[in-house]
Every structure is written in structure tokens, then in C-alpha cells.
Amino acid sequence: MTSIASRRPKLPPPEGELAPGQVRAQRVLRAALGRHPIGMLFSAPYAFFIAVLFAYPLGLAVWISFHRYFFTAPGVSVPRPYVGLANYDAVLDDPAVRQAFLNILIFLVINVPLTVMLSLLLATALNAVIPFRAFFRTSFFVPYVTASVATVGVWLFMFSSGGIISNLLGPLAPHPSWLVNEQWAMPTIAIYVTWKGLGIFILLYLAALQGVPKELYEAAEVDGASWWHRFRSVTVPGVRQVTTLVTLLAVITGANLFTEPYLLTGGGAPNGKSTSPVLQIYETGIEQNHPDFASALGVILVVGVLLIVGIQQLVQRRQA
């Protein structure tokens, strides 16, 4: 015997309410497109730009790294056999590659802490009420927007054997000179890159400092906190997110180091002590026509940078 409830006709949901199936479909659509699907339309040109100029070349590089590949004249077809991990084995067994990664490690150890500390300290000073504040803000940003060729010429003049720095230091100056010295070539490049890139990082910190409530500084000052305690307890926590961004940008910039060693040391001199992985990719892949070896090196470099970024993000989440 059927109940009265089972014989009632199924009515459509009231106006403004959705059936369970429609709700699930809407949730799936919202998860895929977000709450505002129009944003996908506006971001489509940039997504296309990323796909064409980054995703496709990266995919092609991965494919090349697993094949015996070399450049040929247009229209010439040659076999490019699959070689598995042979290119990666050649990269890892090459002492020049290990030296290049050691060079970039030295660069990052010097450049990243200097970039974070100097840009934060200078931004804090420029954020205070000091005379000629606008002038100093502009002067720190000038090297960043100046062509590298021009600033490299100045540094070559300053750090040559008869340059200003060597003359000021006198007998304390290294011999041979900075950029042709195996121990000082990469540290000199790291200092140059730090100086040239400070402007953009100072601007990032200046923007972050505007969001730190002034009441916190006033309360700390009332409690008798010194400048250092206010800086450590208020400023540093207040710009922690920007510090993470600055660190990531400095690491990525260092991993992609090319122009500075190419111009300052003529392509990795002395004895490869200033060669970077990207510079070696250029020399091996373009000048020596071994793009398979260069592609494998590039993939290893990308994986290494992603691991560093992932570890940093993990540490940041645990500290939050």
C-alpha cells in the first residue's frame, strides 16, 4: 500500500532555489572558473602569453633533453634518437657544471642576505622624515633602470688593477685584481648585482612599510623601546610577506645570472670561477651546438630552483 506522501506530485524547487544536481554543477563550475568567471576572460591574453613564451619552450626543452639533438640548416631533416637519461648523466659528470653550480651557490650566499638586509634598512631610513628623501629614493632606483652595459663599464673601471677601489686599498687589494681573481670574481659580481637591484627591492619594502600601523611604533616608543627593538619587534614582522617575496626574487634572479658574468669577466673567467649555469647553457647550447646537453642542464636548474622555493614556502608556513 502506497503512502499519501509517495503519491504527491514532485514540484519544482521554489524560485531562487536550485536542485541538488544544479548545485553540484554550479560548485564544479565555480571551482574551475572562480566566483567571477569574467576574470578568466581578462586573464586569457596573459595566459596565452605564458603558454607561448614559457610553457611551450619548457616542454620542448624537456623533450630535447631526452634525445640526441643538434641544430641543422632550415629544411634539413636528421634523425634525433631517444637517449633516455644519457644527457643528464653527462651533465652531472661534467666538472664544469659542478663548478658553475658552486659559483651560483657562492653568489646566492652573498647576494640574497645582502639584498634583504640592505633594502630593508635603506627602506626604513627612507621611510623616516629625513632631508632630501625624494632625492635619495630616486638615486637608489637609478642603477636599476640604467643599462647594464653602462654600469658594467663603471665597475670595470673601479675594480680593475689600477681602479679606484684597488688604489684606495693599496697593499690590501687582491693580486691579481678583483674580476680576474679566482677567489674574488664571483663575490665581486654578487656585490654588483646587489647594488644594481637594490632600487626595486627598496620600493617593495617602502610600499610594505606604509601598511605598518604607526600606533605600534608609538606604543613601543612609549614603552621605552630603542630604535633597534622597534625595528626588530615592529618593522621586521610587519614586512614579513614582502621579505619572502624579496628572497624569492633574489633567488630566481641569481639562478638566472647571465649578463653580469658575461660582461664583467668575459664569459666565466678566470678558469670558470665566475661561470653561471645559464651562461654555460648559452655557451654549450648555442656556441658549441649541443642543445641536448644544455636542455638537460636547464631542466636540472629549473628543478633546483623549484625545490628551493618549495622549501622556503614550507618553512614560512611552519613559522606562520
C-alpha atoms as a PDB file:
ATOM      1  CA  MET A   1       0.000   0.000   0.000  1.00  0.00           C
ATOM      2  CA  THR A   2       1.498   3.251  -1.116  1.00  0.00           C
ATOM      3  CA  SER A   3       1.609   6.183   1.271  1.00  0.00           C
ATOM      4  CA  ILE A   4      -0.014   9.513   0.632  1.00  0.00           C
ATOM      5  CA  ALA A   5       3.442  11.188   0.541  1.00  0.00           C
ATOM      6  CA  SER A   6       4.611   8.896  -2.251  1.00  0.00           C
ATOM      7  CA  ARG A   7       1.567   9.783  -4.363  1.00  0.00           C
ATOM      8  CA  ARG A   8       2.193  13.541  -4.109  1.00  0.00           C
ATOM      9  CA  PRO A   9       3.434  15.093  -7.340  1.00  0.00           C
ATOM     10  CA  LYS A  10       7.076  16.267  -7.363  1.00  0.00           C
ATOM     11  CA  LEU A  11       7.061  20.027  -7.540  1.00  0.00           C
ATOM     12  CA  PRO A  12       9.955  22.082  -8.945  1.00  0.00           C
ATOM     13  CA  PRO A  13      12.123  23.844  -6.366  1.00  0.00           C
ATOM     14  CA  PRO A  14      10.888  27.256  -5.280  1.00  0.00           C
ATOM     15  CA  GLU A  15      12.100  30.262  -7.204  1.00  0.00           C
ATOM     16  CA  GLY A  16      15.594  31.244  -6.093  1.00  0.00           C
ATOM     17  CA  GLU A  17      16.475  27.674  -5.010  1.00  0.00           C
ATOM     18  CA  LEU A  18      18.391  25.109  -7.077  1.00  0.00           C
ATOM     19  CA  ALA A  19      18.033  21.376  -7.297  1.00  0.00           C
ATOM     20  CA  PRO A  20      20.872  19.275  -5.785  1.00  0.00           C
ATOM     21  CA  GLY A  21      22.225  18.418  -9.252  1.00  0.00           C
ATOM     22  CA  GLN A  22      22.270  22.062 -10.249  1.00  0.00           C
ATOM     23  CA  VAL A  23      24.024  22.996  -7.015  1.00  0.00           C
ATOM     24  CA  ARG A  24      26.754  20.418  -7.661  1.00  0.00           C
ATOM     25  CA  ALA A  25      27.192  21.629 -11.229  1.00  0.00           C
ATOM     26  CA  GLN A  26      27.429  25.215 -10.029  1.00  0.00           C
ATOM     27  CA  ARG A  27      30.049  24.275  -7.461  1.00  0.00           C
ATOM     28  CA  VAL A  28      32.140  22.483 -10.085  1.00  0.00           C
ATOM     29  CA  LEU A  29      31.867  25.443 -12.433  1.00  0.00           C
ATOM     30  CA  ARG A  30      32.786  27.887  -9.662  1.00  0.00           C
ATOM     31  CA  ALA A  31      35.800  25.753  -8.671  1.00  0.00           C
ATOM     32  CA  ALA A  32      37.013  25.756 -12.270  1.00  0.00           C
ATOM     33  CA  LEU A  33      36.344  29.396 -13.149  1.00  0.00           C
ATOM     34  CA  GLY A  34      36.235  31.075  -9.752  1.00  0.00           C
ATOM     35  CA  ARG A  35      33.472  33.226  -8.349  1.00  0.00           C
ATOM     36  CA  HIS A  36      33.886  35.756 -11.146  1.00  0.00           C
ATOM     37  CA  PRO A  37      34.270  33.930 -14.489  1.00  0.00           C
ATOM     38  CA  ILE A  38      34.779  37.247 -16.259  1.00  0.00           C
ATOM     39  CA  GLY A  39      38.239  37.279 -14.681  1.00  0.00           C
ATOM     40  CA  MET A  40      39.201  34.309 -16.853  1.00  0.00           C
ATOM     41  CA  LEU A  41      38.390  36.386 -19.906  1.00  0.00           C
ATOM     42  CA  PHE A  42      40.585  39.266 -18.774  1.00  0.00           C
ATOM     43  CA  SER A  43      43.478  36.957 -17.842  1.00  0.00           C
ATOM     44  CA  ALA A  44      43.263  34.947 -21.083  1.00  0.00           C
ATOM     45  CA  PRO A  45      45.747  37.144 -23.042  1.00  0.00           C
ATOM     46  CA  TYR A  46      48.383  36.808 -20.320  1.00  0.00           C
ATOM     47  CA  ALA A  47      47.712  33.060 -20.031  1.00  0.00           C
ATOM     48  CA  PHE A  48      48.232  32.779 -23.790  1.00  0.00           C
ATOM     49  CA  PHE A  49      51.448  34.782 -23.467  1.00  0.00           C
ATOM     50  CA  ILE A  50      52.716  32.424 -20.738  1.00  0.00           C
ATOM     51  CA  ALA A  51      51.783  29.346 -22.762  1.00  0.00           C
ATOM     52  CA  VAL A  52      53.519  30.545 -25.922  1.00  0.00           C
ATOM     53  CA  LEU A  53      56.672  32.082 -24.461  1.00  0.00           C
ATOM     54  CA  PHE A  54      57.222  29.868 -21.405  1.00  0.00           C
ATOM     55  CA  ALA A  55      55.234  26.637 -21.342  1.00  0.00           C
ATOM     56  CA  TYR A  56      55.965  25.560 -24.914  1.00  0.00           C
ATOM     57  CA  PRO A  57      59.734  26.283 -24.780  1.00  0.00           C
ATOM     58  CA  LEU A  58      59.980  24.488 -21.434  1.00  0.00           C
ATOM     59  CA  GLY A  59      58.166  21.455 -22.810  1.00  0.00           C
ATOM     60  CA  LEU A  60      60.388  21.475 -25.903  1.00  0.00           C
ATOM     61  CA  ALA A  61      63.494  21.710 -23.711  1.00  0.00           C
ATOM     62  CA  VAL A  62      62.358  18.673 -21.704  1.00  0.00           C
ATOM     63  CA  TRP A  63      61.803  16.737 -24.950  1.00  0.00           C
ATOM     64  CA  ILE A  64      65.209  17.742 -26.336  1.00  0.00           C
ATOM     65  CA  SER A  65      66.917  16.695 -23.091  1.00  0.00           C
ATOM     66  CA  PHE A  66      65.873  13.075 -23.718  1.00  0.00           C
ATOM     67  CA  HIS A  67      67.102  12.975 -27.326  1.00  0.00           C
ATOM     68  CA  ARG A  68      70.337  13.321 -29.254  1.00  0.00           C
ATOM     69  CA  TYR A  69      69.641  16.737 -30.704  1.00  0.00           C
ATOM     70  CA  PHE A  70      71.602  19.355 -32.609  1.00  0.00           C
ATOM     71  CA  PHE A  71      70.745  22.331 -34.776  1.00  0.00           C
ATOM     72  CA  THR A  72      70.641  21.944 -38.557  1.00  0.00           C
ATOM     73  CA  ALA A  73      70.011  24.165 -41.535  1.00  0.00           C
ATOM     74  CA  PRO A  74      66.351  25.000 -42.231  1.00  0.00           C
ATOM     75  CA  GLY A  75      64.599  22.215 -44.115  1.00  0.00           C
ATOM     76  CA  VAL A  76      67.216  19.571 -43.286  1.00  0.00           C
ATOM     77  CA  SER A  77      65.783  16.509 -41.565  1.00  0.00           C
ATOM     78  CA  VAL A  78      68.118  14.353 -39.470  1.00  0.00           C
ATOM     79  CA  PRO A  79      67.395  11.546 -37.002  1.00  0.00           C
ATOM     80  CA  ARG A  80      67.215  12.570 -33.364  1.00  0.00           C
ATOM     81  CA  PRO A  81      67.166   9.301 -31.425  1.00  0.00           C
ATOM     82  CA  TYR A  82      65.863   8.893 -27.905  1.00  0.00           C
ATOM     83  CA  VAL A  83      68.747   8.502 -25.455  1.00  0.00           C
ATOM     84  CA  GLY A  84      66.956   8.389 -22.137  1.00  0.00           C
ATOM     85  CA  LEU A  85      68.943   9.895 -19.266  1.00  0.00           C
ATOM     86  CA  ALA A  86      72.253   9.986 -21.138  1.00  0.00           C
ATOM     87  CA  ASN A  87      72.244  13.788 -21.356  1.00  0.00           C
ATOM     88  CA  TYR A  88      71.523  14.100 -17.643  1.00  0.00           C
ATOM     89  CA  ASP A  89      74.369  11.695 -16.840  1.00  0.00           C
ATOM     90  CA  ALA A  90      76.706  13.792 -18.983  1.00  0.00           C
ATOM     91  CA  VAL A  91      75.616  16.965 -17.186  1.00  0.00           C
ATOM     92  CA  LEU A  92      76.090  15.515 -13.711  1.00  0.00           C
ATOM     93  CA  ASP A  93      79.504  14.048 -14.637  1.00  0.00           C
ATOM     94  CA  ASP A  94      80.813  17.312 -16.086  1.00  0.00           C
ATOM     95  CA  PRO A  95      83.173  19.107 -13.637  1.00  0.00           C
ATOM     96  CA  ALA A  96      82.434  22.440 -15.347  1.00  0.00           C
ATOM     97  CA  VAL A  97      78.752  22.055 -14.446  1.00  0.00           C
ATOM     98  CA  ARG A  98      79.558  21.318 -10.824  1.00  0.00           C
ATOM     99  CA  GLN A  99      81.797  24.384 -10.761  1.00  0.00           C
ATOM    100  CA  ALA A 100      79.005  26.516 -12.239  1.00  0.00           C
ATOM    101  CA  PHE A 101      76.554  25.411  -9.540  1.00  0.00           C
ATOM    102  CA  LEU A 102      79.174  26.031  -6.861  1.00  0.00           C
ATOM    103  CA  ASN A 103      79.668  29.525  -8.289  1.00  0.00           C
ATOM    104  CA  ILE A 104      75.968  30.272  -8.170  1.00  0.00           C
ATOM    105  CA  LEU A 105      75.784  28.932  -4.597  1.00  0.00           C
ATOM    106  CA  ILE A 106      78.541  31.377  -3.593  1.00  0.00           C
ATOM    107  CA  PHE A 107      76.629  34.119  -5.382  1.00  0.00           C
ATOM    108  CA  LEU A 108      73.366  33.364  -3.562  1.00  0.00           C
ATOM    109  CA  VAL A 109      75.027  33.124  -0.148  1.00  0.00           C
ATOM    110  CA  ILE A 110      76.380  36.649  -0.638  1.00  0.00           C
ATOM    111  CA  ASN A 111      73.644  38.283  -2.701  1.00  0.00           C
ATOM    112  CA  VAL A 112      70.418  37.154  -1.017  1.00  0.00           C
ATOM    113  CA  PRO A 113      71.226  38.192   2.594  1.00  0.00           C
ATOM    114  CA  LEU A 114      72.796  41.458   1.406  1.00  0.00           C
ATOM    115  CA  THR A 115      69.764  42.240  -0.748  1.00  0.00           C
ATOM    116  CA  VAL A 116      67.268  41.577   2.044  1.00  0.00           C
ATOM    117  CA  MET A 117      69.176  43.408   4.790  1.00  0.00           C
ATOM    118  CA  LEU A 118      70.298  46.438   2.807  1.00  0.00           C
ATOM    119  CA  SER A 119      66.982  47.006   1.048  1.00  0.00           C
ATOM    120  CA  LEU A 120      65.037  46.741   4.330  1.00  0.00           C
ATOM    121  CA  LEU A 121      67.407  49.039   6.237  1.00  0.00           C
ATOM    122  CA  LEU A 122      67.509  51.614   3.450  1.00  0.00           C
ATOM    123  CA  ALA A 123      63.730  51.489   3.005  1.00  0.00           C
ATOM    124  CA  THR A 124      63.270  52.014   6.732  1.00  0.00           C
ATOM    125  CA  ALA A 125      65.606  55.011   6.632  1.00  0.00           C
ATOM    126  CA  LEU A 126      63.915  56.451   3.548  1.00  0.00           C
ATOM    127  CA  ASN A 127      60.500  55.964   5.143  1.00  0.00           C
ATOM    128  CA  ALA A 128      61.509  58.241   8.002  1.00  0.00           C
ATOM    129  CA  VAL A 129      61.326  62.012   7.835  1.00  0.00           C
ATOM    130  CA  ILE A 130      64.805  62.932   6.575  1.00  0.00           C
ATOM    131  CA  PRO A 131      66.025  65.799   4.387  1.00  0.00           C
ATOM    132  CA  PHE A 132      66.194  65.141   0.631  1.00  0.00           C
ATOM    133  CA  ARG A 133      64.145  61.940   0.985  1.00  0.00           C
ATOM    134  CA  ALA A 134      62.838  62.107  -2.591  1.00  0.00           C
ATOM    135  CA  PHE A 135      66.364  62.587  -3.919  1.00  0.00           C
ATOM    136  CA  PHE A 136      67.674  59.512  -2.110  1.00  0.00           C
ATOM    137  CA  ARG A 137      64.719  57.396  -3.252  1.00  0.00           C
ATOM    138  CA  THR A 138      65.437  58.318  -6.858  1.00  0.00           C
ATOM    139  CA  SER A 139      69.198  57.831  -6.550  1.00  0.00           C
ATOM    140  CA  PHE A 140      68.803  54.266  -5.262  1.00  0.00           C
ATOM    141  CA  PHE A 141      66.492  53.428  -8.159  1.00  0.00           C
ATOM    142  CA  VAL A 142      68.720  54.892 -10.906  1.00  0.00           C
ATOM    143  CA  PRO A 143      71.110  51.866 -11.180  1.00  0.00           C
ATOM    144  CA  TYR A 144      68.160  49.509 -11.636  1.00  0.00           C
ATOM    145  CA  VAL A 145      66.847  51.369 -14.686  1.00  0.00           C
ATOM    146  CA  THR A 146      70.296  52.093 -16.144  1.00  0.00           C
ATOM    147  CA  ALA A 147      71.529  49.817 -18.921  1.00  0.00           C
ATOM    148  CA  SER A 148      73.775  47.030 -17.647  1.00  0.00           C
ATOM    149  CA  VAL A 149      76.419  47.823 -20.252  1.00  0.00           C
ATOM    150  CA  ALA A 150      76.835  51.332 -18.814  1.00  0.00           C
ATOM    151  CA  THR A 151      77.027  50.256 -15.166  1.00  0.00           C
ATOM    152  CA  VAL A 152      79.349  47.363 -16.040  1.00  0.00           C
ATOM    153  CA  GLY A 153      81.731  49.858 -17.640  1.00  0.00           C
ATOM    154  CA  VAL A 154      81.821  51.834 -14.392  1.00  0.00           C
ATOM    155  CA  TRP A 155      82.527  48.715 -12.335  1.00  0.00           C
ATOM    156  CA  LEU A 156      85.234  47.547 -14.707  1.00  0.00           C
ATOM    157  CA  PHE A 157      86.893  50.925 -14.214  1.00  0.00           C
ATOM    158  CA  MET A 158      86.503  50.802 -10.421  1.00  0.00           C
ATOM    159  CA  PHE A 159      87.651  47.200  -9.906  1.00  0.00           C
ATOM    160  CA  SER A 160      90.462  46.990 -12.451  1.00  0.00           C
ATOM    161  CA  SER A 161      94.061  46.591 -11.318  1.00  0.00           C
ATOM    162  CA  GLY A 162      94.532  50.376 -11.445  1.00  0.00           C
ATOM    163  CA  GLY A 163      90.965  51.280 -10.479  1.00  0.00           C
ATOM    164  CA  ILE A 164      89.657  53.407  -7.640  1.00  0.00           C
ATOM    165  CA  ILE A 165      88.985  50.518  -5.253  1.00  0.00           C
ATOM    166  CA  SER A 166      92.446  48.984  -5.668  1.00  0.00           C
ATOM    167  CA  ASN A 167      94.098  52.375  -5.255  1.00  0.00           C
ATOM    168  CA  LEU A 168      92.158  53.087  -2.061  1.00  0.00           C
ATOM    169  CA  LEU A 169      93.004  49.714  -0.564  1.00  0.00           C
ATOM    170  CA  GLY A 170      96.623  49.866  -1.632  1.00  0.00           C
ATOM    171  CA  PRO A 171      98.524  46.754  -0.459  1.00  0.00           C
ATOM    172  CA  LEU A 172      95.260  45.249   0.836  1.00  0.00           C
ATOM    173  CA  ALA A 173      93.868  44.937  -2.707  1.00  0.00           C
ATOM    174  CA  PRO A 174      93.943  41.385  -4.095  1.00  0.00           C
ATOM    175  CA  HIS A 175      96.509  40.339  -6.689  1.00  0.00           C
ATOM    176  CA  PRO A 176      95.554  39.612  -9.391  1.00  0.00           C
ATOM    177  CA  SER A 177      92.741  42.146  -9.433  1.00  0.00           C
ATOM    178  CA  TRP A 178      89.139  41.540  -8.395  1.00  0.00           C
ATOM    179  CA  LEU A 179      87.492  40.339 -11.596  1.00  0.00           C
ATOM    180  CA  VAL A 180      90.448  38.228 -12.711  1.00  0.00           C
ATOM    181  CA  ASN A 181      90.977  36.701  -9.290  1.00  0.00           C
ATOM    182  CA  GLU A 182      89.599  33.184  -8.796  1.00  0.00           C
ATOM    183  CA  GLN A 183      88.518  33.864  -5.198  1.00  0.00           C
ATOM    184  CA  TRP A 184      87.096  37.371  -5.719  1.00  0.00           C
ATOM    185  CA  ALA A 185      85.471  37.221  -9.167  1.00  0.00           C
ATOM    186  CA  MET A 186      82.108  35.787  -8.088  1.00  0.00           C
ATOM    187  CA  PRO A 187      81.851  37.799  -4.811  1.00  0.00           C
ATOM    188  CA  THR A 188      82.511  40.972  -6.819  1.00  0.00           C
ATOM    189  CA  ILE A 189      79.732  40.048  -9.247  1.00  0.00           C
ATOM    190  CA  ALA A 190      77.401  39.321  -6.299  1.00  0.00           C
ATOM    191  CA  ILE A 191      78.077  42.767  -4.824  1.00  0.00           C
ATOM    192  CA  TYR A 192      77.494  44.396  -8.205  1.00  0.00           C
ATOM    193  CA  VAL A 193      74.142  42.637  -8.680  1.00  0.00           C
ATOM    194  CA  THR A 194      73.128  43.602  -5.136  1.00  0.00           C
ATOM    195  CA  TRP A 195      73.937  47.250  -5.785  1.00  0.00           C
ATOM    196  CA  LYS A 196      72.187  47.325  -9.144  1.00  0.00           C
ATOM    197  CA  GLY A 197      68.974  45.651  -7.951  1.00  0.00           C
ATOM    198  CA  LEU A 198      68.507  47.440  -4.637  1.00  0.00           C
ATOM    199  CA  GLY A 199      66.180  50.058  -6.121  1.00  0.00           C
ATOM    200  CA  ILE A 200      63.276  47.752  -6.926  1.00  0.00           C
ATOM    201  CA  PHE A 201      63.506  45.936  -3.584  1.00  0.00           C
ATOM    202  CA  ILE A 202      63.615  49.218  -1.681  1.00  0.00           C
ATOM    203  CA  LEU A 203      60.395  50.233  -3.424  1.00  0.00           C
ATOM    204  CA  LEU A 204      58.758  46.946  -2.407  1.00  0.00           C
ATOM    205  CA  TYR A 205      59.723  47.490   1.219  1.00  0.00           C
ATOM    206  CA  LEU A 206      58.635  51.135   1.119  1.00  0.00           C
ATOM    207  CA  ALA A 207      55.193  50.045  -0.061  1.00  0.00           C
ATOM    208  CA  ALA A 208      55.009  47.453   2.732  1.00  0.00           C
ATOM    209  CA  LEU A 209      56.085  49.956   5.375  1.00  0.00           C
ATOM    210  CA  GLN A 210      53.106  52.150   4.523  1.00  0.00           C
ATOM    211  CA  GLY A 211      50.868  49.361   5.813  1.00  0.00           C
ATOM    212  CA  VAL A 212      52.561  49.021   9.208  1.00  0.00           C
ATOM    213  CA  PRO A 213      50.382  50.917  11.737  1.00  0.00           C
ATOM    214  CA  LYS A 214      52.177  53.923  13.212  1.00  0.00           C
ATOM    215  CA  GLU A 215      50.395  53.266  16.502  1.00  0.00           C
ATOM    216  CA  LEU A 216      52.637  50.237  17.013  1.00  0.00           C
ATOM    217  CA  TYR A 217      55.752  52.398  16.776  1.00  0.00           C
ATOM    218  CA  GLU A 218      54.238  54.971  19.113  1.00  0.00           C
ATOM    219  CA  ALA A 219      53.286  52.319  21.664  1.00  0.00           C
ATOM    220  CA  ALA A 220      56.760  50.781  21.525  1.00  0.00           C
ATOM    221  CA  GLU A 221      58.344  54.208  21.941  1.00  0.00           C
ATOM    222  CA  VAL A 222      56.147  54.952  24.945  1.00  0.00           C
ATOM    223  CA  ASP A 223      57.261  51.660  26.482  1.00  0.00           C
ATOM    224  CA  GLY A 224      60.867  52.807  26.145  1.00  0.00           C
ATOM    225  CA  ALA A 225      61.874  50.587  23.221  1.00  0.00           C
ATOM    226  CA  SER A 226      65.039  51.636  21.431  1.00  0.00           C
ATOM    227  CA  TRP A 227      65.286  52.071  17.661  1.00  0.00           C
ATOM    228  CA  TRP A 228      66.676  48.551  17.307  1.00  0.00           C
ATOM    229  CA  HIS A 229      63.902  46.997  19.388  1.00  0.00           C
ATOM    230  CA  ARG A 230      61.245  48.879  17.400  1.00  0.00           C
ATOM    231  CA  PHE A 231      62.860  47.711  14.173  1.00  0.00           C
ATOM    232  CA  ARG A 232      63.081  44.093  15.316  1.00  0.00           C
ATOM    233  CA  SER A 233      59.656  43.870  17.004  1.00  0.00           C
ATOM    234  CA  VAL A 234      57.531  46.043  14.719  1.00  0.00           C
ATOM    235  CA  THR A 235      59.169  46.593  11.338  1.00  0.00           C
ATOM    236  CA  VAL A 236      60.500  43.104  10.630  1.00  0.00           C
ATOM    237  CA  PRO A 237      57.220  41.258  11.461  1.00  0.00           C
ATOM    238  CA  GLY A 238      55.217  43.914   9.628  1.00  0.00           C
ATOM    239  CA  VAL A 239      57.018  43.322   6.322  1.00  0.00           C
ATOM    240  CA  ARG A 240      57.484  39.553   6.602  1.00  0.00           C
ATOM    241  CA  GLN A 241      55.416  38.826   3.488  1.00  0.00           C
ATOM    242  CA  VAL A 242      57.490  41.235   1.407  1.00  0.00           C
ATOM    243  CA  THR A 243      60.683  39.726   2.814  1.00  0.00           C
ATOM    244  CA  THR A 244      59.555  36.363   1.464  1.00  0.00           C
ATOM    245  CA  LEU A 245      58.869  37.938  -1.931  1.00  0.00           C
ATOM    246  CA  VAL A 246      62.245  39.708  -1.978  1.00  0.00           C
ATOM    247  CA  THR A 247      64.021  36.473  -1.069  1.00  0.00           C
ATOM    248  CA  LEU A 248      62.242  34.553  -3.820  1.00  0.00           C
ATOM    249  CA  LEU A 249      63.012  37.216  -6.411  1.00  0.00           C
ATOM    250  CA  ALA A 250      66.667  37.337  -5.352  1.00  0.00           C
ATOM    251  CA  VAL A 251      66.985  33.547  -5.604  1.00  0.00           C
ATOM    252  CA  ILE A 252      65.339  33.444  -9.026  1.00  0.00           C
ATOM    253  CA  THR A 253      67.497  36.348 -10.239  1.00  0.00           C
ATOM    254  CA  GLY A 254      70.638  34.605  -9.021  1.00  0.00           C
ATOM    255  CA  ALA A 255      69.677  31.309 -10.633  1.00  0.00           C
ATOM    256  CA  ASN A 256      69.230  33.133 -13.957  1.00  0.00           C
ATOM    257  CA  LEU A 257      72.514  35.044 -13.710  1.00  0.00           C
ATOM    258  CA  PHE A 258      73.913  35.622 -17.197  1.00  0.00           C
ATOM    259  CA  THR A 259      74.540  39.240 -18.200  1.00  0.00           C
ATOM    260  CA  GLU A 260      76.837  40.179 -15.326  1.00  0.00           C
ATOM    261  CA  PRO A 261      79.457  37.388 -15.611  1.00  0.00           C
ATOM    262  CA  TYR A 262      79.249  37.571 -19.397  1.00  0.00           C
ATOM    263  CA  LEU A 263      80.106  41.281 -19.414  1.00  0.00           C
ATOM    264  CA  LEU A 264      82.282  41.633 -16.320  1.00  0.00           C
ATOM    265  CA  THR A 265      84.530  38.598 -16.770  1.00  0.00           C
ATOM    266  CA  GLY A 266      84.245  37.938 -20.490  1.00  0.00           C
ATOM    267  CA  GLY A 267      82.238  34.734 -20.119  1.00  0.00           C
ATOM    268  CA  GLY A 268      83.252  32.981 -16.920  1.00  0.00           C
ATOM    269  CA  ALA A 269      86.908  33.868 -16.446  1.00  0.00           C
ATOM    270  CA  PRO A 270      89.148  33.143 -14.644  1.00  0.00           C
ATOM    271  CA  ASN A 271      89.144  29.365 -15.174  1.00  0.00           C
ATOM    272  CA  GLY A 272      85.373  29.137 -14.981  1.00  0.00           C
ATOM    273  CA  LYS A 273      85.211  30.599 -11.462  1.00  0.00           C
ATOM    274  CA  SER A 274      82.514  33.090 -12.488  1.00  0.00           C
ATOM    275  CA  THR A 275      80.546  30.871 -14.870  1.00  0.00           C
ATOM    276  CA  SER A 276      76.856  30.529 -14.055  1.00  0.00           C
ATOM    277  CA  PRO A 277      74.627  27.626 -15.159  1.00  0.00           C
ATOM    278  CA  VAL A 278      72.689  29.893 -17.541  1.00  0.00           C
ATOM    279  CA  LEU A 279      75.920  31.159 -19.057  1.00  0.00           C
ATOM    280  CA  GLN A 280      77.056  27.586 -19.532  1.00  0.00           C
ATOM    281  CA  ILE A 281      73.720  26.740 -21.154  1.00  0.00           C
ATOM    282  CA  TYR A 282      74.335  29.524 -23.665  1.00  0.00           C
ATOM    283  CA  GLU A 283      77.922  28.504 -24.368  1.00  0.00           C
ATOM    284  CA  THR A 284      77.142  24.786 -24.683  1.00  0.00           C
ATOM    285  CA  GLY A 285      73.817  25.009 -26.469  1.00  0.00           C
ATOM    286  CA  ILE A 286      74.398  27.947 -28.822  1.00  0.00           C
ATOM    287  CA  GLU A 287      78.136  28.343 -29.314  1.00  0.00           C
ATOM    288  CA  GLN A 288      79.032  24.620 -29.250  1.00  0.00           C
ATOM    289  CA  ASN A 289      75.771  23.315 -30.807  1.00  0.00           C
ATOM    290  CA  HIS A 290      74.900  20.850 -28.044  1.00  0.00           C
ATOM    291  CA  PRO A 291      71.318  21.843 -27.212  1.00  0.00           C
ATOM    292  CA  ASP A 292      70.559  18.395 -25.772  1.00  0.00           C
ATOM    293  CA  PHE A 293      73.220  18.830 -23.082  1.00  0.00           C
ATOM    294  CA  ALA A 294      72.125  22.435 -22.490  1.00  0.00           C
ATOM    295  CA  SER A 295      68.452  21.435 -22.206  1.00  0.00           C
ATOM    296  CA  ALA A 296      69.247  18.787 -19.599  1.00  0.00           C
ATOM    297  CA  LEU A 297      71.226  21.377 -17.645  1.00  0.00           C
ATOM    298  CA  GLY A 298      68.324  23.814 -17.898  1.00  0.00           C
ATOM    299  CA  VAL A 299      65.819  21.254 -16.618  1.00  0.00           C
ATOM    300  CA  ILE A 300      68.065  20.469 -13.643  1.00  0.00           C
ATOM    301  CA  LEU A 301      68.360  24.184 -12.913  1.00  0.00           C
ATOM    302  CA  VAL A 302      64.564  24.653 -13.019  1.00  0.00           C
ATOM    303  CA  VAL A 303      64.019  21.684 -10.707  1.00  0.00           C
ATOM    304  CA  GLY A 304      66.639  23.028  -8.300  1.00  0.00           C
ATOM    305  CA  VAL A 305      65.014  26.468  -8.164  1.00  0.00           C
ATOM    306  CA  LEU A 306      61.578  24.913  -7.611  1.00  0.00           C
ATOM    307  CA  LEU A 307      62.963  22.825  -4.744  1.00  0.00           C
ATOM    308  CA  ILE A 308      64.455  25.920  -3.100  1.00  0.00           C
ATOM    309  CA  VAL A 309      61.184  27.820  -3.482  1.00  0.00           C
ATOM    310  CA  GLY A 310      59.191  24.864  -2.157  1.00  0.00           C
ATOM    311  CA  ILE A 311      61.424  24.507   0.906  1.00  0.00           C
ATOM    312  CA  GLN A 312      61.155  28.225   1.602  1.00  0.00           C
ATOM    313  CA  GLN A 313      57.366  28.129   1.340  1.00  0.00           C
ATOM    314  CA  LEU A 314      57.251  25.119   3.686  1.00  0.00           C
ATOM    315  CA  VAL A 315      59.432  26.878   6.262  1.00  0.00           C
ATOM    316  CA  GLN A 316      57.292  30.006   6.021  1.00  0.00           C
ATOM    317  CA  ARG A 317      54.074  28.073   6.611  1.00  0.00           C
ATOM    318  CA  ARG A 318      55.515  26.405   9.690  1.00  0.00           C
ATOM    319  CA  GLN A 319      56.622  29.750  11.081  1.00  0.00           C
ATOM    320  CA  ALA A 320      53.234  31.389  10.426  1.00  0.00           C
END
